[in-house]
Every structure is written in structure tokens, then in C-alpha cells.
Amino acid sequence: MEKNNLPKIISVFPLSNFILFPKTSVPLNIFEPRYVEMINDSMKLDKLIGMIQPLSSNDNEELDPKLHKIGCLGKITSFKETDNGNFLIELKGLVRFETIDEVMSDKKYRQYKVKFENFENDLKDEKEELKFTDLELIFKDLKLLFEKKGFIINWKALEKQSLDETINALAMASPFSLEEKQVLLEAKTLDLRKNKIAEILSTYSHDIFENTTLQ
């Protein structure tokens, strides 16, 4: 997608316990009526929706929780309606956005004016100058953390992807906290995200490495 074609107003899906990163794809089961309506409208328009995390998963304002400022615009790349009227979709992360103002409308779901200026590099195909050799230690530590937490990752498949796809996929799938994942989402460049992953891993290092000899 070209930056000139980015929408100025988007529909947003405030989903707790989930963060979408650019250049990653995720399956979603849409069953809540307002979001079924949102997907229906999106399929008729541009197939774009914004994924964003509520500031608190325990927010009492269930219908209109306060949201983080940064989310990720996704495009519906696969769509299937189930027998009970739910939607099974595949959503691909395109570019991060920053919310400006909420738009009042008669829709059951929420819409926001957004800007993309700070994250237009997400749309570029050029790869940043980072090599897998620079990340061997991070990947090693991440692998240990994934295994300790019972997560299964196809590391061989990841190595066949581009570096930014790999880092974003690991950031999204990692057993980090939602707050830590939000920090990774907001890291402006791939290099910053790599460094943030290293910083977060260092806080887990005692648990990963120091206690492995306990019986």
C-alpha cells in the first residue's frame, strides 16, 4: 500500500491481550455483533481495520475503554463466514498508526482520525541493515524463554523470512507482557525494536538462566 492511499479515518478493534505488528499475519474469530458489523463494512470498503490495545484489560468502561495511542492497521486477506454467522478472517499488519481524535458516528464500533507519519517506513520494502549474526544471542535467549514458557516456534521457518518479518513475528508471539509488547510496537525502527527485545530479555535472564540447575 502507498502512503498516499492511507485512510485518514479508520475503524478500530480494541482487543485486550492482543497486539498486531506490521508484516505479520494472524487469524481472528469475529463473533461480537458490533465487530461483525465492522468487518462487513470493511469488506465492502477497503478491507482495512485498526487493531489497538485498551490501556487496561480490566477497564470498567467495557464498551468504550481508553486506548493506547499507537496501534497497527491491518488488511483482511482471507474471509470466511461460519454457519452461525461468525467471521473467520486472516489479518495482515501493514503500518502502525497514531490516534488523533475519536469520530462520533451511528456505528456500533469505534472510528478514529489517525496519522501515519511517524511509521511510514513500515510500508517500505527496503530492509534495514541488520543481520541475523547480530541477533544470534537474542534469538538464543528468546528460544530459551519460549521453551521455558512452553511456547513452540518453528525457528527454521522463521529463518527463511526477512529480518523485519522475523523480529515482528517473535515480538508478537513472545511470552512478554502486554505492556512490553506495546513498547516493542511503539519502537520506531527495527534496530530500536531489537534493542528493546534485548532489554526485556535481560529482565527475564535471572529466571531463565540462574534457576535452570534447580531440581
Protein backbone atom coordinates (compact mmCIF):
# COMPACT_ATOMS: atom_id res chain seq x y z
CA MET A 1 0.00 0.00 0.00
CA GLU A 2 1.22 3.51 -0.88
CA LYS A 3 1.32 6.10 1.88
CA ASN A 4 -0.84 8.43 -0.25
CA ASN A 5 -3.61 5.81 -0.14
CA LEU A 6 -3.68 5.50 3.64
CA PRO A 7 -7.07 6.38 5.15
CA LYS A 8 -7.49 9.42 7.40
CA ILE A 9 -10.27 7.73 9.41
CA ILE A 10 -10.21 4.05 10.36
CA SER A 11 -12.42 1.61 12.23
CA VAL A 12 -10.65 0.30 15.32
CA PHE A 13 -10.87 -3.05 17.08
CA PRO A 14 -9.80 -2.54 20.73
CA LEU A 15 -8.74 -6.06 21.60
CA SER A 16 -7.27 -6.84 25.01
CA ASN A 17 -4.42 -9.35 25.26
CA PHE A 18 -3.52 -8.98 21.59
CA ILE A 19 -1.14 -6.80 19.57
CA LEU A 20 -0.70 -6.85 15.79
CA PHE A 21 2.70 -5.98 14.30
CA PRO A 22 3.47 -4.87 10.72
CA LYS A 23 4.40 -7.64 8.28
CA THR A 24 2.77 -10.35 10.40
CA SER A 25 -0.48 -12.23 9.76
CA VAL A 26 -2.93 -13.58 12.33
CA PRO A 27 -6.23 -15.49 12.26
CA LEU A 28 -9.17 -13.95 14.12
CA ASN A 29 -12.60 -15.31 15.01
CA ILE A 30 -15.10 -12.43 14.89
CA PHE A 31 -18.32 -13.12 16.78
CA GLU A 32 -19.31 -9.96 18.71
CA PRO A 33 -22.16 -8.24 16.75
CA ARG A 34 -20.52 -4.78 16.57
CA TYR A 35 -17.32 -6.25 15.16
CA VAL A 36 -19.21 -8.49 12.75
CA GLU A 37 -20.75 -5.22 11.51
CA MET A 38 -17.30 -3.63 11.34
CA ILE A 39 -15.86 -6.49 9.27
CA ASN A 40 -18.92 -6.42 6.99
CA ASP A 41 -18.45 -2.71 6.37
CA SER A 42 -14.70 -3.11 5.90
CA MET A 43 -15.14 -5.86 3.30
CA LYS A 44 -17.40 -3.52 1.29
CA LEU A 45 -14.95 -0.64 1.55
CA ASP A 46 -11.17 -1.22 1.72
CA LYS A 47 -10.71 -4.35 3.89
CA LEU A 48 -8.78 -2.26 6.44
CA ILE A 49 -9.22 -2.21 10.22
CA GLY A 50 -7.05 -0.89 13.03
CA MET A 51 -6.01 -3.15 15.88
CA ILE A 52 -5.28 -1.31 19.13
CA GLN A 53 -4.91 -2.30 22.75
CA PRO A 54 -7.00 -0.85 25.60
CA LEU A 55 -4.88 0.88 28.23
CA SER A 56 -6.12 -1.61 30.79
CA SER A 57 -7.57 -5.07 30.25
CA ASN A 58 -9.51 -4.53 33.49
CA ASP A 59 -11.03 -1.24 32.39
CA ASN A 60 -14.59 -0.90 33.65
CA GLU A 61 -15.60 1.04 30.54
CA GLU A 62 -16.22 -2.17 28.62
CA LEU A 63 -17.89 -0.56 25.61
CA ASP A 64 -15.53 2.41 25.31
CA PRO A 65 -12.26 1.69 27.11
CA LYS A 66 -9.40 4.18 26.99
CA LEU A 67 -6.94 3.13 24.30
CA HIS A 68 -3.21 3.28 23.72
CA LYS A 69 -2.19 5.95 21.23
CA ILE A 70 -0.34 3.54 18.92
CA GLY A 71 -1.91 0.62 17.06
CA CYS A 72 -1.46 -1.22 13.77
CA LEU A 73 -3.56 -1.01 10.61
CA GLY A 74 -4.33 -4.43 9.17
CA LYS A 75 -5.78 -5.67 5.89
CA ILE A 76 -8.19 -8.60 5.69
CA THR A 77 -6.51 -11.10 3.37
CA SER A 78 -8.84 -14.04 3.98
CA PHE A 79 -12.54 -14.07 4.88
CA LYS A 80 -14.96 -16.88 5.66
CA GLU A 81 -18.44 -16.80 7.18
CA THR A 82 -19.34 -19.69 9.50
CA ASP A 83 -22.73 -21.39 9.75
CA ASN A 84 -23.57 -19.44 12.91
CA GLY A 85 -22.82 -16.06 11.34
CA ASN A 86 -19.34 -15.55 12.77
CA PHE A 87 -16.43 -14.48 10.58
CA LEU A 88 -13.06 -16.20 10.36
CA ILE A 89 -10.54 -13.77 8.94
CA GLU A 90 -6.82 -13.51 8.34
CA LEU A 91 -5.44 -10.08 9.11
CA LYS A 92 -2.08 -8.84 7.84
CA GLY A 93 -0.35 -5.96 9.65
CA LEU A 94 0.54 -3.13 7.27
CA VAL A 95 1.59 0.01 9.12
CA ARG A 96 1.39 1.45 12.62
CA PHE A 97 -0.80 4.47 13.31
CA GLU A 98 -1.25 7.11 15.99
CA THR A 99 -4.76 8.10 17.03
CA ILE A 100 -5.74 11.79 16.90
CA ASP A 101 -9.44 12.04 17.79
CA GLU A 102 -12.35 9.66 18.06
CA VAL A 103 -15.03 10.17 15.40
CA MET A 104 -18.64 10.16 16.53
CA SER A 105 -20.94 8.15 14.27
CA ASP A 106 -24.01 5.96 14.33
CA LYS A 107 -21.85 2.84 14.02
CA LYS A 108 -21.77 0.34 16.88
CA TYR A 109 -17.98 0.15 16.60
CA ARG A 110 -15.45 2.94 17.12
CA GLN A 111 -13.70 5.05 14.50
CA TYR A 112 -10.71 7.34 14.83
CA LYS A 113 -8.90 10.02 12.91
CA VAL A 114 -5.34 8.75 12.68
CA LYS A 115 -1.93 9.71 11.34
CA PHE A 116 0.83 7.50 9.94
CA GLU A 117 3.69 10.00 9.51
CA ASN A 118 5.93 8.52 12.20
CA PHE A 119 5.63 4.99 10.86
CA GLU A 120 5.73 5.26 7.06
CA ASN A 121 8.88 3.12 7.00
CA ASP A 122 6.63 0.16 7.82
CA LEU A 123 5.43 0.35 4.21
CA LYS A 124 8.86 0.19 2.65
CA ASP A 125 10.31 -2.98 1.20
CA GLU A 126 13.90 -1.94 1.81
CA LYS A 127 15.43 -3.90 4.64
CA GLU A 128 17.26 -2.19 7.46
CA GLU A 129 20.93 -3.05 7.84
CA LEU A 130 20.64 -5.71 10.48
CA LYS A 131 21.97 -9.22 10.07
CA PHE A 132 20.98 -12.48 11.69
CA THR A 133 24.52 -12.71 13.08
CA ASP A 134 23.78 -9.54 15.07
CA LEU A 135 20.82 -11.26 16.66
CA GLU A 136 22.13 -14.73 17.43
CA LEU A 137 22.33 -14.11 21.17
CA ILE A 138 18.88 -12.52 21.27
CA PHE A 139 17.40 -15.42 19.31
CA LYS A 140 19.16 -17.90 21.58
CA ASP A 141 17.81 -16.21 24.70
CA LEU A 142 14.35 -15.86 23.15
CA LYS A 143 14.37 -19.55 22.25
CA LEU A 144 15.19 -20.45 25.86
CA LEU A 145 12.40 -18.21 27.12
CA PHE A 146 9.89 -19.63 24.64
CA GLU A 147 10.81 -23.20 25.62
CA LYS A 148 10.66 -22.42 29.35
CA LYS A 149 7.19 -20.92 28.95
CA GLY A 150 6.03 -23.88 26.83
CA PHE A 151 5.81 -21.97 23.55
CA ILE A 152 6.59 -23.85 20.33
CA ILE A 153 8.14 -21.89 17.46
CA ASN A 154 9.19 -23.16 14.02
CA TRP A 155 12.61 -21.49 14.06
CA LYS A 156 13.68 -22.94 10.69
CA ALA A 157 10.65 -21.35 9.02
CA LEU A 158 11.38 -18.02 10.69
CA GLU A 159 14.94 -18.01 9.35
CA LYS A 160 13.56 -18.09 5.81
CA GLN A 161 11.66 -14.84 6.34
CA SER A 162 13.02 -11.33 6.06
CA LEU A 163 14.61 -9.97 9.23
CA ASP A 164 11.84 -7.46 9.95
CA GLU A 165 9.17 -10.14 9.49
CA THR A 166 11.08 -12.42 11.88
CA ILE A 167 11.60 -9.82 14.60
CA ASN A 168 7.98 -8.65 14.42
CA ALA A 169 6.66 -12.23 14.45
CA LEU A 170 8.77 -13.06 17.51
CA ALA A 171 7.75 -9.86 19.25
CA MET A 172 4.08 -10.61 18.67
CA ALA A 173 4.28 -14.28 19.65
CA SER A 174 6.64 -13.85 22.60
CA PRO A 175 5.59 -14.59 26.19
CA PHE A 176 6.34 -10.96 27.10
CA SER A 177 3.74 -8.95 28.99
CA LEU A 178 1.26 -6.82 27.04
CA GLU A 179 2.98 -3.68 28.33
CA GLU A 180 6.31 -4.97 27.00
CA LYS A 181 4.76 -5.84 23.65
CA GLN A 182 3.26 -2.35 23.43
CA VAL A 183 6.75 -0.92 23.99
CA LEU A 184 8.02 -3.08 21.11
CA LEU A 185 5.15 -1.95 18.88
CA GLU A 186 5.96 1.70 19.58
CA ALA A 187 9.71 1.29 18.90
CA LYS A 188 10.06 3.38 15.75
CA THR A 189 12.74 1.35 13.91
CA LEU A 190 13.67 -2.29 13.62
CA ASP A 191 17.01 -1.59 15.28
CA LEU A 192 15.25 0.02 18.27
CA ARG A 193 12.88 -2.95 18.48
CA LYS A 194 15.83 -5.35 18.51
CA ASN A 195 17.42 -3.38 21.35
CA LYS A 196 14.15 -3.27 23.29
CA ILE A 197 13.84 -7.06 22.93
CA ALA A 198 17.34 -7.40 24.36
CA GLU A 199 16.45 -5.08 27.26
CA ILE A 200 13.27 -7.00 28.04
CA LEU A 201 15.10 -10.32 27.84
CA SER A 202 17.66 -9.06 30.35
CA THR A 203 14.86 -8.71 32.91
CA TYR A 204 13.97 -12.36 32.36
CA SER A 205 17.57 -13.58 32.37
CA HIS A 206 17.74 -14.50 36.05
CA ASP A 207 14.66 -16.66 35.76
CA ILE A 208 15.82 -18.24 32.50
CA PHE A 209 19.44 -18.92 33.25
CA GLU A 210 20.12 -18.78 37.00
CA ASN A 211 17.46 -21.22 38.09
CA THR A 212 17.97 -23.92 35.46
CA THR A 213 20.08 -26.03 37.83
CA LEU A 214 17.38 -26.30 40.46
CA GLN A 215 15.97 -29.78 40.84
